Amino acid sequence: MANRAVIEANLTFLSPHEGGRTHLNMKLKGLSYRPHIVIGDPNQREAIVGPGNVGLETYCGVAFADGPDHIEPNVVYTVRMVLMYWPHEIYDPVVAGATFTLREGPNILGFGSITRRWVEIVPTGT
């Protein structure tokens, strides 16, 4: 048996006009889509970088466990994401009420807020 931390969030994907993906065809079920979230202002639309083009934000790896079968921009969806490297301390601020942006590298694809977080037990294969 293993434990994993899971969050539920309300998530809105940006339109291509706002910097989002041209095609929103990611599979939001089964842990195959693995972007990052960055806790902070959901209105942010550019990554914060320092000298030498070094990122200055904390990227938290997530894997989508459940979400809609079809995605449209500027629609709020309820999704579930697994915190991939939990219990690493980067996930300490990933709590109910926190807001975030959804990232693929420096690209901000969406934004949302966490509605709840829990730990679940996952059976391991033999």
C-alpha atoms as a PDB file:
ATOM      1  CA  MET A   1       0.000   0.000   0.000  1.00  0.00           C
ATOM      2  CA  ALA A   2       1.124   3.531  -0.732  1.00  0.00           C
ATOM      3  CA  ASN A   3      -0.209   6.965   0.076  1.00  0.00           C
ATOM      4  CA  ARG A   4      -0.650   9.847  -2.344  1.00  0.00           C
ATOM      5  CA  ALA A   5      -1.832  13.399  -1.856  1.00  0.00           C
ATOM      6  CA  VAL A   6      -4.696  14.558  -4.047  1.00  0.00           C
ATOM      7  CA  ILE A   7      -6.242  17.964  -4.602  1.00  0.00           C
ATOM      8  CA  GLU A   8      -9.566  18.998  -6.034  1.00  0.00           C
ATOM      9  CA  ALA A   9      -9.615  22.353  -7.783  1.00  0.00           C
ATOM     10  CA  ASN A  10     -11.741  24.653  -9.859  1.00  0.00           C
ATOM     11  CA  LEU A  11      -9.723  25.229 -13.019  1.00  0.00           C
ATOM     12  CA  THR A  12     -10.182  27.518 -16.026  1.00  0.00           C
ATOM     13  CA  PHE A  13      -8.110  27.074 -19.184  1.00  0.00           C
ATOM     14  CA  LEU A  14      -7.088  30.200 -21.069  1.00  0.00           C
ATOM     15  CA  SER A  15      -7.968  30.753 -24.718  1.00  0.00           C
ATOM     16  CA  PRO A  16      -5.154  30.921 -27.293  1.00  0.00           C
ATOM     17  CA  HIS A  17      -5.798  34.695 -27.465  1.00  0.00           C
ATOM     18  CA  GLU A  18      -4.918  34.885 -23.724  1.00  0.00           C
ATOM     19  CA  GLY A  19      -1.803  32.719 -24.068  1.00  0.00           C
ATOM     20  CA  GLY A  20      -3.393  29.300 -23.651  1.00  0.00           C
ATOM     21  CA  ARG A  21      -2.974  26.254 -25.842  1.00  0.00           C
ATOM     22  CA  THR A  22      -4.268  26.272 -29.411  1.00  0.00           C
ATOM     23  CA  HIS A  23      -5.683  22.770 -28.907  1.00  0.00           C
ATOM     24  CA  LEU A  24      -7.142  21.766 -25.551  1.00  0.00           C
ATOM     25  CA  ASN A  25      -7.019  18.044 -26.235  1.00  0.00           C
ATOM     26  CA  MET A  26      -5.175  16.902 -23.109  1.00  0.00           C
ATOM     27  CA  LYS A  27      -6.528  13.804 -21.373  1.00  0.00           C
ATOM     28  CA  LEU A  28      -7.454  14.908 -17.847  1.00  0.00           C
ATOM     29  CA  LYS A  29      -7.956  11.376 -16.536  1.00  0.00           C
ATOM     30  CA  GLY A  30      -5.625   8.495 -15.762  1.00  0.00           C
ATOM     31  CA  LEU A  31      -2.550  10.470 -14.617  1.00  0.00           C
ATOM     32  CA  SER A  32      -1.172  10.912 -18.156  1.00  0.00           C
ATOM     33  CA  TYR A  33      -1.270  14.743 -18.359  1.00  0.00           C
ATOM     34  CA  ARG A  34       1.506  16.048 -16.063  1.00  0.00           C
ATOM     35  CA  PRO A  35       1.927  19.820 -16.039  1.00  0.00           C
ATOM     36  CA  HIS A  36       2.859  22.017 -13.054  1.00  0.00           C
ATOM     37  CA  ILE A  37       0.977  24.380 -10.820  1.00  0.00           C
ATOM     38  CA  VAL A  38       2.482  27.519  -9.305  1.00  0.00           C
ATOM     39  CA  ILE A  39       0.779  28.810  -6.168  1.00  0.00           C
ATOM     40  CA  GLY A  40       0.084  32.526  -6.447  1.00  0.00           C
ATOM     41  CA  ASP A  41      -1.949  35.172  -8.219  1.00  0.00           C
ATOM     42  CA  PRO A  42      -4.378  33.561 -10.679  1.00  0.00           C
ATOM     43  CA  ASN A  43      -4.254  36.748 -12.808  1.00  0.00           C
ATOM     44  CA  GLN A  44      -0.554  36.272 -13.586  1.00  0.00           C
ATOM     45  CA  ARG A  45       0.061  35.607 -17.282  1.00  0.00           C
ATOM     46  CA  GLU A  46       3.873  35.431 -17.535  1.00  0.00           C
ATOM     47  CA  ALA A  47       6.452  33.362 -15.698  1.00  0.00           C
ATOM     48  CA  ILE A  48       8.743  35.281 -13.347  1.00  0.00           C
ATOM     49  CA  VAL A  49      12.363  34.888 -14.398  1.00  0.00           C
ATOM     50  CA  GLY A  50      15.600  36.339 -13.084  1.00  0.00           C
ATOM     51  CA  PRO A  51      19.058  36.931 -14.479  1.00  0.00           C
ATOM     52  CA  GLY A  52      20.176  34.303 -16.937  1.00  0.00           C
ATOM     53  CA  ASN A  53      16.539  33.434 -17.699  1.00  0.00           C
ATOM     54  CA  VAL A  54      16.321  31.417 -14.468  1.00  0.00           C
ATOM     55  CA  GLY A  55      12.811  30.773 -13.161  1.00  0.00           C
ATOM     56  CA  LEU A  56      12.104  32.315  -9.744  1.00  0.00           C
ATOM     57  CA  GLU A  57       8.883  30.461  -8.931  1.00  0.00           C
ATOM     58  CA  THR A  58       8.216  27.084  -7.338  1.00  0.00           C
ATOM     59  CA  TYR A  59       6.791  24.645  -9.849  1.00  0.00           C
ATOM     60  CA  CYS A  60       4.789  21.815  -8.256  1.00  0.00           C
ATOM     61  CA  GLY A  61       4.419  18.723 -10.440  1.00  0.00           C
ATOM     62  CA  VAL A  62       0.894  17.346 -10.710  1.00  0.00           C
ATOM     63  CA  ALA A  63      -0.803  14.552 -12.647  1.00  0.00           C
ATOM     64  CA  PHE A  64      -4.462  14.872 -13.594  1.00  0.00           C
ATOM     65  CA  ALA A  65      -6.497  12.028 -12.091  1.00  0.00           C
ATOM     66  CA  ASP A  66      -9.962  13.167 -13.149  1.00  0.00           C
ATOM     67  CA  GLY A  67     -11.547  15.936 -15.164  1.00  0.00           C
ATOM     68  CA  PRO A  68     -13.872  16.565 -18.095  1.00  0.00           C
ATOM     69  CA  ASP A  69     -13.680  14.593 -21.337  1.00  0.00           C
ATOM     70  CA  HIS A  70     -13.839  17.781 -23.411  1.00  0.00           C
ATOM     71  CA  ILE A  71     -12.291  21.156 -22.543  1.00  0.00           C
ATOM     72  CA  GLU A  72     -13.296  24.641 -23.664  1.00  0.00           C
ATOM     73  CA  PRO A  73     -11.439  27.835 -22.752  1.00  0.00           C
ATOM     74  CA  ASN A  74     -12.866  30.206 -20.128  1.00  0.00           C
ATOM     75  CA  VAL A  75     -15.105  27.548 -18.561  1.00  0.00           C
ATOM     76  CA  VAL A  76     -14.611  26.542 -14.919  1.00  0.00           C
ATOM     77  CA  TYR A  77     -14.087  22.797 -14.469  1.00  0.00           C
ATOM     78  CA  THR A  78     -13.713  20.732 -11.306  1.00  0.00           C
ATOM     79  CA  VAL A  79     -10.619  18.532 -11.575  1.00  0.00           C
ATOM     80  CA  ARG A  80      -8.604  16.203  -9.367  1.00  0.00           C
ATOM     81  CA  MET A  81      -4.809  16.192  -9.439  1.00  0.00           C
ATOM     82  CA  VAL A  82      -2.223  14.010  -7.697  1.00  0.00           C
ATOM     83  CA  LEU A  83       0.765  15.823  -6.159  1.00  0.00           C
ATOM     84  CA  MET A  84       3.503  13.869  -7.927  1.00  0.00           C
ATOM     85  CA  TYR A  85       6.442  14.349  -5.552  1.00  0.00           C
ATOM     86  CA  TRP A  86       4.524  14.552  -2.266  1.00  0.00           C
ATOM     87  CA  PRO A  87       5.509  14.654   0.603  1.00  0.00           C
ATOM     88  CA  HIS A  88       8.187  17.086  -0.623  1.00  0.00           C
ATOM     89  CA  GLU A  89       7.909  20.445   1.183  1.00  0.00           C
ATOM     90  CA  ILE A  90       7.203  22.337  -2.070  1.00  0.00           C
ATOM     91  CA  TYR A  91       3.631  21.099  -1.613  1.00  0.00           C
ATOM     92  CA  ASP A  92       3.169  22.706   1.834  1.00  0.00           C
ATOM     93  CA  PRO A  93       1.341  25.772   0.373  1.00  0.00           C
ATOM     94  CA  VAL A  94      -0.868  23.569  -1.832  1.00  0.00           C
ATOM     95  CA  VAL A  95      -3.929  23.718   0.431  1.00  0.00           C
ATOM     96  CA  ALA A  96      -7.633  24.457   0.214  1.00  0.00           C
ATOM     97  CA  GLY A  97      -8.174  28.128  -0.593  1.00  0.00           C
ATOM     98  CA  ALA A  98      -4.841  28.587  -2.392  1.00  0.00           C
ATOM     99  CA  THR A  99      -4.904  29.978  -5.936  1.00  0.00           C
ATOM    100  CA  PHE A 100      -2.564  28.917  -8.720  1.00  0.00           C
ATOM    101  CA  THR A 101      -1.652  29.074 -12.368  1.00  0.00           C
ATOM    102  CA  LEU A 102      -1.323  25.970 -14.531  1.00  0.00           C
ATOM    103  CA  ARG A 103       1.975  25.749 -16.429  1.00  0.00           C
ATOM    104  CA  GLU A 104       3.702  23.893 -19.210  1.00  0.00           C
ATOM    105  CA  GLY A 105       7.232  25.203 -18.823  1.00  0.00           C
ATOM    106  CA  PRO A 106       7.048  29.013 -18.801  1.00  0.00           C
ATOM    107  CA  ASN A 107       3.638  29.000 -20.515  1.00  0.00           C
ATOM    108  CA  ILE A 108       0.624  29.784 -18.354  1.00  0.00           C
ATOM    109  CA  LEU A 109      -2.304  27.748 -19.678  1.00  0.00           C
ATOM    110  CA  GLY A 110      -4.890  28.308 -16.982  1.00  0.00           C
ATOM    111  CA  PHE A 111      -5.655  29.296 -13.428  1.00  0.00           C
ATOM    112  CA  GLY A 112      -7.661  28.033 -10.516  1.00  0.00           C
ATOM    113  CA  SER A 113      -8.250  27.577  -6.827  1.00  0.00           C
ATOM    114  CA  ILE A 114      -7.888  24.521  -4.635  1.00  0.00           C
ATOM    115  CA  THR A 115     -11.113  23.429  -2.972  1.00  0.00           C
ATOM    116  CA  ARG A 116      -9.765  20.526  -0.925  1.00  0.00           C
ATOM    117  CA  ARG A 117      -6.745  18.300  -0.327  1.00  0.00           C
ATOM    118  CA  TRP A 118      -6.513  14.810   1.115  1.00  0.00           C
ATOM    119  CA  VAL A 119      -4.314  11.725   1.302  1.00  0.00           C
ATOM    120  CA  GLU A 120      -5.566   8.452  -0.098  1.00  0.00           C
ATOM    121  CA  ILE A 121      -4.242   4.920   0.124  1.00  0.00           C
ATOM    122  CA  VAL A 122      -3.366   3.286  -3.176  1.00  0.00           C
ATOM    123  CA  PRO A 123      -2.910  -0.490  -3.414  1.00  0.00           C
ATOM    124  CA  THR A 124       0.443  -1.443  -4.925  1.00  0.00           C
ATOM    125  CA  GLY A 125       0.871  -4.273  -7.413  1.00  0.00           C
ATOM    126  CA  THR A 126       2.633  -7.473  -6.479  1.00  0.00           C
END
